[in-house]
């Protein structure tokens, strides 16, 4: 037999682990080269992992919902195609065979409170929850563990270090564990309805559940979005500035050239790449907008990577990133915008497509909104929302005096992190974007 190891592929620069969502093959199944072997999930996107060889599956080393580090062996394939003599189980088995039996029930019971009931501020991987359940670490105690992972996530190393410190303190650890594991989760949930019937918190829950309602559990992506939004509000003091701009020149130019543009380049020209081009020009004038904060250090990014909030068919939002937008012309931006939008809607985004953004734009006008107050996409310091384009009567200054004309108007709103971006910088950048859009040359040829 020629046994080939299949490993968890590297899916992006900062992606160090992924969760197994679903195996498409079982032990004993034949798999073709490049045939989908399993679905995985990172903090950003879901992806399919193809087999890098053809043959018969001899081992699946991880179960569904296991968190697997990049580079770890996830399966073994007999590339010679030999038929298996015996397969102990059709279910994937983790390499550490002695652990899953006692640990799995604890993880199953422990997973629900932090994700569904407690609504913790952080997302915890199944592996971390498994260890916490085994060690008797309650949700309140878990929330206090500092995380060194992406966006403050608690990693396996973090929780194991915490457990080792707990056990190295014989006097404090025995008392801390029962208090965190037993009294915290159990009485907090069980005693509220019974011993506190007058308290206002249980009453709304009873009323909601008792009414004509439908309860839908948030999917994994919605939980990640919720976690990311709450963390952003906790991290950055948000300030939002507003302005309006006359985009009549842009509207007229697009109407004039869109047919010819598609015929020449095979791409549909939308307003989005035009907005991005103006934003890039203004970021060059105000580089502090393209930065992030690390402790007391401000990190100004030299590359301009524009994230664009995109709606998925599920109703969730994802933010694919146009890398090095500052080096691309209108055609290049158009191609990237269209490619990433189509990939997002078709669930074909790669993990790296959502990494490395330095500034984000969200088009609330797509949904009919005139303006919005967007939440900053951490660790960035600003996000721009563009509203719906509407015809309105506007006073124009001419050489012959003021006149009232019908113009295509649009509101812009910029939310920014007041720790770095003050009102002067935020308003100046926003005004510059509006002026850049208004100065668009409607006679420009493609």
Protein backbone atom coordinates (compact mmCIF):
# COMPACT_ATOMS: atom_id res chain seq x y z
CA UNK A 1 0.00 0.00 0.00
CA UNK A 2 1.12 3.56 -0.74
CA UNK A 3 -0.34 5.57 2.14
CA UNK A 4 -0.54 9.32 1.57
CA UNK A 5 -1.12 11.84 4.37
CA UNK A 6 -3.66 14.59 3.65
CA UNK A 7 -3.04 17.74 5.69
CA UNK A 8 -5.10 20.78 6.64
CA UNK A 9 -4.12 23.34 3.99
CA UNK A 10 -3.02 26.91 4.74
CA UNK A 11 -5.99 29.12 3.85
CA UNK A 12 -4.65 32.59 4.55
CA UNK A 13 -1.79 34.51 6.08
CA UNK A 14 -3.32 34.82 9.54
CA UNK A 15 -5.40 31.60 9.50
CA UNK A 16 -3.80 29.10 11.89
CA UNK A 17 -6.68 26.67 12.44
CA UNK A 18 -10.02 25.60 11.01
CA UNK A 19 -13.10 23.73 12.21
CA UNK A 20 -14.25 20.56 10.46
CA UNK A 21 -17.85 21.15 9.39
CA UNK A 22 -18.64 18.03 7.37
CA UNK A 23 -16.87 15.01 5.95
CA UNK A 24 -17.99 14.07 2.43
CA UNK A 25 -16.16 10.74 2.59
CA UNK A 26 -15.95 7.91 5.11
CA UNK A 27 -13.36 5.22 5.80
CA UNK A 28 -13.39 2.78 2.90
CA UNK A 29 -14.74 5.26 0.36
CA UNK A 30 -12.93 5.90 -2.91
CA UNK A 31 -11.85 9.51 -3.49
CA UNK A 32 -10.68 11.09 -6.73
CA UNK A 33 -7.95 13.69 -7.17
CA UNK A 34 -9.38 17.18 -6.45
CA UNK A 35 -12.70 15.70 -5.28
CA UNK A 36 -14.15 17.47 -2.23
CA UNK A 37 -13.11 15.59 0.91
CA UNK A 38 -14.53 17.83 3.63
CA UNK A 39 -15.97 21.27 4.42
CA UNK A 40 -14.12 23.48 6.89
CA UNK A 41 -14.82 26.80 8.55
CA UNK A 42 -12.46 29.56 9.63
CA UNK A 43 -13.36 32.76 11.48
CA UNK A 44 -14.25 34.34 8.13
CA UNK A 45 -15.47 31.87 5.52
CA UNK A 46 -16.48 28.27 4.88
CA UNK A 47 -14.38 26.37 2.35
CA UNK A 48 -14.20 23.02 0.62
CA UNK A 49 -10.99 21.01 0.94
CA UNK A 50 -10.23 18.77 -2.06
CA UNK A 51 -8.22 15.57 -1.91
CA UNK A 52 -4.67 15.94 -3.17
CA UNK A 53 -4.52 12.32 -4.28
CA UNK A 54 -6.77 9.52 -5.53
CA UNK A 55 -7.34 6.27 -3.66
CA UNK A 56 -9.23 4.72 -0.77
CA UNK A 57 -9.75 6.46 2.58
CA UNK A 58 -8.03 4.45 5.31
CA UNK A 59 -8.27 6.90 8.22
CA UNK A 60 -10.11 10.07 9.17
CA UNK A 61 -8.24 11.56 12.09
CA UNK A 62 -10.68 14.27 13.21
CA UNK A 63 -14.39 14.36 13.90
CA UNK A 64 -16.86 16.99 12.75
CA UNK A 65 -16.65 20.18 14.89
CA UNK A 66 -13.03 19.45 15.82
CA UNK A 67 -10.63 22.39 15.50
CA UNK A 68 -7.59 21.43 13.46
CA UNK A 69 -4.33 23.39 13.18
CA UNK A 70 -2.99 24.22 9.73
CA UNK A 71 -0.56 21.56 8.54
CA UNK A 72 -1.98 18.76 10.73
CA UNK A 73 -2.71 15.39 9.10
CA UNK A 74 -6.49 15.09 8.75
CA UNK A 75 -6.82 11.86 6.76
CA UNK A 76 -4.83 9.06 5.15
CA UNK A 77 -5.44 7.63 1.70
CA UNK A 78 -4.21 4.40 0.17
CA UNK A 79 -3.07 5.77 -3.19
CA UNK A 80 -2.75 2.19 -4.46
CA UNK A 81 -6.51 1.85 -4.17
CA UNK A 82 -6.42 -1.32 -2.04
CA UNK A 83 -9.66 -2.40 -0.42
CA UNK A 84 -9.69 -2.15 3.34
CA UNK A 85 -9.59 -5.41 5.25
CA UNK A 86 -11.24 -3.98 8.31
CA UNK A 87 -12.44 -0.60 9.43
CA UNK A 88 -13.06 -0.22 13.17
CA UNK A 89 -15.60 2.56 12.65
CA UNK A 90 -17.15 4.65 9.91
CA UNK A 91 -16.88 7.74 12.04
CA UNK A 92 -13.74 9.95 12.04
CA UNK A 93 -11.50 9.26 15.02
CA UNK A 94 -9.20 11.83 16.59
CA UNK A 95 -5.56 10.85 16.98
CA UNK A 96 -5.75 11.08 20.77
CA UNK A 97 -7.93 7.98 21.17
CA UNK A 98 -7.91 8.01 24.96
CA UNK A 99 -9.43 11.48 25.27
CA UNK A 100 -12.62 11.59 23.13
CA UNK A 101 -14.66 9.08 25.14
CA UNK A 102 -14.84 11.00 28.43
CA UNK A 103 -14.39 14.46 26.92
CA UNK A 104 -17.05 14.39 24.21
CA UNK A 105 -20.15 14.33 26.48
CA UNK A 106 -18.76 17.21 28.50
CA UNK A 107 -18.19 19.25 25.38
CA UNK A 108 -21.69 18.54 24.09
CA UNK A 109 -23.25 19.81 27.32
CA UNK A 110 -20.92 22.75 27.69
CA UNK A 111 -21.15 24.10 24.14
CA UNK A 112 -24.72 25.38 24.33
CA UNK A 113 -24.46 27.86 27.24
CA UNK A 114 -21.66 30.08 25.87
CA UNK A 115 -22.91 30.16 22.30
CA UNK A 116 -26.69 30.16 22.70
CA UNK A 117 -27.79 30.98 26.23
CA UNK A 118 -25.10 33.06 27.85
CA UNK A 119 -24.36 35.21 24.79
CA UNK A 120 -20.71 35.60 25.76
CA UNK A 121 -18.68 38.41 24.28
CA UNK A 122 -16.22 35.97 22.70
CA UNK A 123 -16.52 33.03 20.35
CA UNK A 124 -15.06 29.77 21.68
CA UNK A 125 -13.99 26.89 19.48
CA UNK A 126 -15.37 23.40 20.23
CA UNK A 127 -11.88 22.31 21.36
CA UNK A 128 -11.66 25.10 23.97
CA UNK A 129 -15.20 24.33 25.19
CA UNK A 130 -14.31 20.65 25.39
CA UNK A 131 -11.30 21.36 27.63
CA UNK A 132 -13.29 23.83 29.74
CA UNK A 133 -16.08 21.29 30.30
CA UNK A 134 -13.61 18.56 31.23
CA UNK A 135 -11.78 20.82 33.70
CA UNK A 136 -14.97 22.18 35.27
CA UNK A 137 -14.40 25.75 34.10
CA UNK A 138 -17.66 27.71 34.11
CA UNK A 139 -18.64 30.33 31.56
CA UNK A 140 -17.96 33.24 33.93
CA UNK A 141 -14.47 31.90 34.61
CA UNK A 142 -13.85 31.23 30.90
CA UNK A 143 -14.69 34.84 30.02
CA UNK A 144 -11.86 36.03 32.32
CA UNK A 145 -9.14 33.99 30.62
CA UNK A 146 -6.99 36.31 28.44
CA UNK A 147 -6.78 35.16 24.82
CA UNK A 148 -3.76 35.39 22.53
CA UNK A 149 -5.54 34.19 19.39
CA UNK A 150 -7.00 36.19 16.53
CA UNK A 151 -9.08 39.13 17.87
CA UNK A 152 -8.51 38.01 21.48
CA UNK A 153 -9.78 34.46 21.00
CA UNK A 154 -8.88 31.91 23.67
CA UNK A 155 -6.69 29.26 22.06
CA UNK A 156 -5.94 25.72 23.20
CA UNK A 157 -2.59 26.90 24.60
CA UNK A 158 -4.29 29.72 26.56
CA UNK A 159 -6.74 27.44 28.33
CA UNK A 160 -4.16 24.71 28.99
CA UNK A 161 -1.80 27.30 30.51
CA UNK A 162 -4.69 28.53 32.67
CA UNK A 163 -5.52 24.98 33.79
CA UNK A 164 -1.88 24.29 34.68
CA UNK A 165 -1.74 27.48 36.77
CA UNK A 166 -4.96 26.51 38.52
CA UNK A 167 -3.73 23.03 39.41
CA UNK A 168 -0.37 24.38 40.62
CA UNK A 169 -2.19 26.25 43.42
CA UNK A 170 -3.57 23.48 45.68
CA UNK A 171 -5.17 25.87 48.16
CA UNK A 172 -7.06 28.08 45.72
CA UNK A 173 -7.74 25.70 42.84
CA UNK A 174 -10.04 23.20 44.60
CA UNK A 175 -12.25 26.05 45.80
CA UNK A 176 -12.23 27.95 42.53
CA UNK A 177 -13.28 24.98 40.40
CA UNK A 178 -16.47 24.04 42.30
CA UNK A 179 -17.52 27.68 42.56
CA UNK A 180 -16.97 28.31 38.86
CA UNK A 181 -18.29 24.98 37.57
CA UNK A 182 -21.14 24.07 39.90
CA UNK A 183 -22.73 27.18 41.46
CA UNK A 184 -22.11 29.44 38.42
CA UNK A 185 -23.94 27.76 35.55
CA UNK A 186 -26.45 25.59 37.44
CA UNK A 187 -28.04 27.84 40.09
CA UNK A 188 -27.80 30.91 37.85
CA UNK A 189 -30.05 29.28 35.28
CA UNK A 190 -32.19 27.08 37.51
CA UNK A 191 -32.89 29.35 40.46
CA UNK A 192 -33.93 32.48 38.58
CA UNK A 193 -37.42 31.38 37.51
CA UNK A 194 -38.12 29.52 40.78
CA UNK A 195 -36.75 31.76 43.52
CA UNK A 196 -37.12 35.12 41.78
CA UNK A 197 -40.60 35.15 40.24
CA UNK A 198 -40.91 38.90 40.64
CA UNK A 199 -37.65 39.82 38.88
CA UNK A 200 -38.16 41.43 35.48
CA UNK A 201 -35.60 39.30 33.58
CA UNK A 202 -37.49 35.95 33.53
CA UNK A 203 -40.86 37.58 32.74
CA UNK A 204 -40.05 38.73 29.19
CA UNK A 205 -38.53 35.32 28.41
CA UNK A 206 -41.72 33.55 29.51
CA UNK A 207 -43.89 35.98 27.56
CA UNK A 208 -41.87 35.58 24.38
CA UNK A 209 -41.74 31.80 24.51
CA UNK A 210 -45.43 31.57 25.38
CA UNK A 211 -46.56 33.74 22.45
CA UNK A 212 -46.99 33.01 18.76
CA UNK A 213 -43.28 33.04 17.97
CA UNK A 214 -40.63 31.16 16.06
CA UNK A 215 -37.27 30.59 17.72
CA UNK A 216 -34.33 30.33 15.32
CA UNK A 217 -30.85 29.53 16.55
CA UNK A 218 -28.20 31.80 15.03
CA UNK A 219 -25.99 30.04 12.51
CA UNK A 220 -22.22 30.02 12.94
CA UNK A 221 -21.62 33.02 10.70
CA UNK A 222 -24.28 35.12 12.43
CA UNK A 223 -22.69 34.31 15.82
CA UNK A 224 -19.29 35.40 14.48
CA UNK A 225 -20.77 38.63 13.12
CA UNK A 226 -22.52 39.33 16.43
CA UNK A 227 -19.32 38.67 18.34
CA UNK A 228 -17.31 40.91 16.00
CA UNK A 229 -19.80 43.79 16.23
CA UNK A 230 -20.04 43.68 20.04
CA UNK A 231 -16.25 43.54 20.33
CA UNK A 232 -15.90 46.53 18.01
CA UNK A 233 -18.26 48.64 20.13
CA UNK A 234 -16.40 47.60 23.29
CA UNK A 235 -13.03 48.40 21.70
CA UNK A 236 -13.54 51.69 19.85
CA UNK A 237 -15.33 54.89 20.89
CA UNK A 238 -17.42 55.40 17.75
CA UNK A 239 -18.09 58.83 16.25
CA UNK A 240 -20.03 59.28 12.99
CA UNK A 241 -19.85 62.31 10.69
CA UNK A 242 -22.20 62.99 7.76
CA UNK A 243 -22.09 64.94 4.52
CA UNK A 244 -23.86 64.91 1.17
CA UNK A 245 -22.45 65.08 -2.32
CA UNK A 246 -23.70 65.74 -5.82
CA UNK A 247 -22.98 62.65 -7.93
CA UNK A 248 -24.82 63.84 -11.05
CA UNK A 249 -21.64 63.76 -13.14
CA UNK A 250 -20.99 60.15 -12.11
CA UNK A 251 -24.56 59.07 -12.87
CA UNK A 252 -24.52 60.69 -16.31
CA UNK A 253 -21.08 59.28 -17.17
CA UNK A 254 -22.05 55.74 -16.17
CA UNK A 255 -25.28 55.90 -18.14
CA UNK A 256 -23.32 57.03 -21.19
CA UNK A 257 -20.52 54.46 -21.09
CA UNK A 258 -21.89 51.33 -19.36
CA UNK A 259 -22.87 49.57 -22.59
CA UNK A 260 -19.57 50.31 -24.30
CA UNK A 261 -17.62 49.45 -21.13
CA UNK A 262 -19.15 45.97 -20.93
CA UNK A 263 -18.64 45.42 -24.65
CA UNK A 264 -14.96 46.39 -24.47
CA UNK A 265 -13.95 44.72 -21.22
CA UNK A 266 -16.64 42.11 -20.51
CA UNK A 267 -17.35 43.74 -17.13
CA UNK A 268 -20.36 45.64 -15.85
CA UNK A 269 -19.42 49.05 -14.47
CA UNK A 270 -21.16 49.89 -11.19
CA UNK A 271 -20.82 52.87 -8.88
CA UNK A 272 -18.72 50.92 -6.37
CA UNK A 273 -15.33 51.00 -8.19
CA UNK A 274 -15.85 54.71 -8.91
CA UNK A 275 -16.37 55.33 -5.19
CA UNK A 276 -13.31 53.21 -4.37
CA UNK A 277 -11.11 55.21 -6.73
CA UNK A 278 -12.13 58.46 -5.02
CA UNK A 279 -11.63 56.95 -1.55
CA UNK A 280 -8.14 55.72 -2.43
CA UNK A 281 -7.16 59.20 -3.63
CA UNK A 282 -8.37 60.71 -0.35
CA UNK A 283 -6.65 58.08 1.82
CA UNK A 284 -3.38 59.17 0.23
CA UNK A 285 -4.10 62.70 1.47
CA UNK A 286 -5.15 61.50 4.95
CA UNK A 287 -3.04 58.36 5.66
CA UNK A 288 -4.08 58.25 9.33
CA UNK A 289 -7.48 56.98 8.17
CA UNK A 290 -5.66 53.87 6.90
CA UNK A 291 -4.23 52.80 10.23
CA UNK A 292 -4.76 50.63 13.30
CA UNK A 293 -3.90 50.85 16.99
CA UNK A 294 -1.52 48.53 18.85
CA UNK A 295 -1.38 49.56 22.48
CA UNK A 296 -0.03 53.09 22.42
CA UNK A 297 1.38 52.72 18.90
CA UNK A 298 -0.42 53.89 15.77
CA UNK A 299 0.35 51.65 12.79
CA UNK A 300 -0.12 53.48 9.48
CA UNK A 301 -0.65 51.02 6.65
CA UNK A 302 1.23 51.79 3.44
CA UNK A 303 -0.92 49.39 1.39
CA UNK A 304 -4.54 50.42 0.80
CA UNK A 305 -6.73 47.33 1.03
CA UNK A 306 -10.42 48.22 0.68
CA UNK A 307 -13.00 45.92 2.22
CA UNK A 308 -16.50 45.97 0.72
CA UNK A 309 -19.42 44.74 2.79
CA UNK A 310 -21.36 42.25 0.65
CA UNK A 311 -24.74 40.68 1.34
CA UNK A 312 -24.94 36.90 1.09
CA UNK A 313 -28.05 34.96 0.00
CA UNK A 314 -28.45 33.85 3.64
CA UNK A 315 -28.88 37.49 4.70
CA UNK A 316 -25.49 37.59 6.45
CA UNK A 317 -22.80 40.08 5.47
CA UNK A 318 -19.21 39.31 4.58
CA UNK A 319 -16.36 41.70 3.77
CA UNK A 320 -14.08 40.57 0.93
CA UNK A 321 -11.00 42.74 0.47
CA UNK A 322 -9.56 44.36 -2.66
CA UNK A 323 -5.82 44.12 -2.06
CA UNK A 324 -3.53 46.97 -3.13
CA UNK A 325 -6.43 49.10 -4.35
CA UNK A 326 -4.08 52.05 -4.54
CA UNK A 327 -2.20 50.48 -7.45
CA UNK A 328 -5.26 49.78 -9.63
CA UNK A 329 -7.10 51.89 -12.18
CA UNK A 330 -10.87 51.98 -12.65
CA UNK A 331 -10.88 48.86 -14.83
CA UNK A 332 -8.77 46.91 -12.34
CA UNK A 333 -11.03 47.95 -9.46
CA UNK A 334 -14.11 47.00 -11.49
CA UNK A 335 -12.77 43.52 -12.18
CA UNK A 336 -11.92 42.95 -8.52
CA UNK A 337 -15.26 44.27 -7.28
CA UNK A 338 -17.24 42.06 -9.65
CA UNK A 339 -15.12 38.96 -9.03
CA UNK A 340 -15.28 39.22 -5.24
CA UNK A 341 -19.00 40.03 -5.20
CA UNK A 342 -19.79 37.02 -7.40
CA UNK A 343 -17.56 34.76 -5.33
CA UNK A 344 -19.25 35.93 -2.12
CA UNK A 345 -22.76 35.32 -3.45
CA UNK A 346 -21.73 31.91 -4.77
CA UNK A 347 -20.02 30.96 -1.49
CA UNK A 348 -16.73 30.64 -3.38
CA UNK A 349 -14.62 33.09 -1.38
CA UNK A 350 -11.26 31.86 -0.14
CA UNK A 351 -10.17 32.58 3.41
CA UNK A 352 -7.46 34.95 2.15
CA UNK A 353 -10.10 37.01 0.29
CA UNK A 354 -11.36 38.40 3.60
CA UNK A 355 -7.98 39.09 5.21
CA UNK A 356 -5.84 42.20 5.44
CA UNK A 357 -8.41 44.98 5.02
CA UNK A 358 -7.27 48.46 6.06
CA UNK A 359 -10.47 50.45 5.35
CA UNK A 360 -14.06 49.32 4.73
CA UNK A 361 -16.92 50.66 2.60
CA UNK A 362 -20.53 49.57 3.03
CA UNK A 363 -23.25 50.52 0.52
CA UNK A 364 -26.40 50.94 2.62
CA UNK A 365 -28.03 52.55 -0.42
CA UNK A 366 -28.31 49.08 -1.97
CA UNK A 367 -31.08 48.36 0.52
CA UNK A 368 -32.77 51.75 0.04
CA UNK A 369 -31.27 53.55 3.05
CA UNK A 370 -30.38 57.22 2.70
CA UNK A 371 -27.60 56.97 5.28
CA UNK A 372 -26.26 54.74 8.03
CA UNK A 373 -24.04 54.67 11.11
CA UNK A 374 -21.79 51.67 10.36
CA UNK A 375 -19.77 49.80 12.98
CA UNK A 376 -15.98 49.82 12.53
CA UNK A 377 -14.48 46.60 11.17
CA UNK A 378 -11.73 45.91 13.75
CA UNK A 379 -8.82 46.45 13.85
CA UNK A 380 -9.42 49.24 11.32
CA UNK A 381 -10.18 52.78 12.53
CA UNK A 382 -12.83 53.94 10.04
CA UNK A 383 -15.66 52.72 7.83
CA UNK A 384 -17.56 54.70 5.17
CA UNK A 385 -21.24 54.17 4.34
CA UNK A 386 -22.68 55.38 1.02
CA UNK A 387 -26.43 55.94 0.84
CA UNK A 388 -29.01 55.70 -1.92
CA UNK A 389 -28.69 58.12 -4.83
CA UNK A 390 -31.84 60.27 -5.04
CA UNK A 391 -32.93 63.12 -7.28
CA UNK A 392 -33.50 66.30 -5.29
CA UNK A 393 -33.90 70.04 -5.99
CA UNK A 394 -30.62 71.73 -5.10
CA UNK A 395 -29.45 75.33 -5.11
CA UNK A 396 -26.51 75.78 -7.50
CA UNK A 397 -24.23 78.80 -7.67
CA UNK A 398 -23.61 80.02 -11.23
CA UNK A 399 -22.03 83.10 -12.81
CA UNK A 400 -25.52 84.49 -13.34
CA UNK A 401 -26.62 83.86 -9.75
CA UNK A 402 -28.18 81.03 -7.80
CA UNK A 403 -30.49 78.58 -9.54
CA UNK A 404 -32.53 75.58 -8.43
CA UNK A 405 -31.78 72.38 -10.36
CA UNK A 406 -32.65 68.70 -10.10
CA UNK A 407 -29.48 66.83 -9.13
CA UNK A 408 -28.52 63.29 -8.14
CA UNK A 409 -27.61 63.55 -4.47
CA UNK A 410 -26.11 61.02 -2.06
CA UNK A 411 -25.34 61.05 1.67
CA UNK A 412 -22.00 59.80 3.00
CA UNK A 413 -21.38 58.82 6.61
CA UNK A 414 -18.05 57.98 8.21
CA UNK A 415 -17.74 56.14 11.53
CA UNK A 416 -14.30 56.40 13.08
CA UNK A 417 -12.34 55.41 16.17
CA UNK A 418 -12.07 58.55 18.29
CA UNK A 419 -8.94 57.23 20.01
CA UNK A 420 -7.00 57.91 16.79
CA UNK A 421 -9.26 59.90 14.47
CA UNK A 422 -10.59 63.15 15.94
CA UNK A 423 -13.49 65.14 14.53
CA UNK A 424 -11.25 67.39 12.47
CA UNK A 425 -9.53 64.52 10.66
CA UNK A 426 -12.74 62.52 10.23
CA UNK A 427 -14.74 65.43 8.84
CA UNK A 428 -11.87 66.58 6.61
CA UNK A 429 -11.48 63.13 5.07
CA UNK A 430 -15.23 62.80 4.54
CA UNK A 431 -15.46 66.23 2.91
CA UNK A 432 -12.51 65.35 0.66
CA UNK A 433 -14.29 62.19 -0.54
CA UNK A 434 -17.44 64.20 -1.34
CA UNK A 435 -15.45 66.80 -3.30
CA UNK A 436 -13.56 64.08 -5.17
CA UNK A 437 -16.84 62.49 -6.26
CA UNK A 438 -18.35 65.84 -7.26
CA UNK A 439 -15.29 66.66 -9.36
CA UNK A 440 -15.67 63.50 -11.45
CA UNK A 441 -15.15 64.22 -15.16
CA UNK A 442 -18.38 63.29 -16.94
CA UNK A 443 -16.66 63.65 -20.31
CA UNK A 444 -13.94 61.11 -19.50
CA UNK A 445 -13.48 58.41 -22.12
CA UNK A 446 -12.97 54.78 -21.22
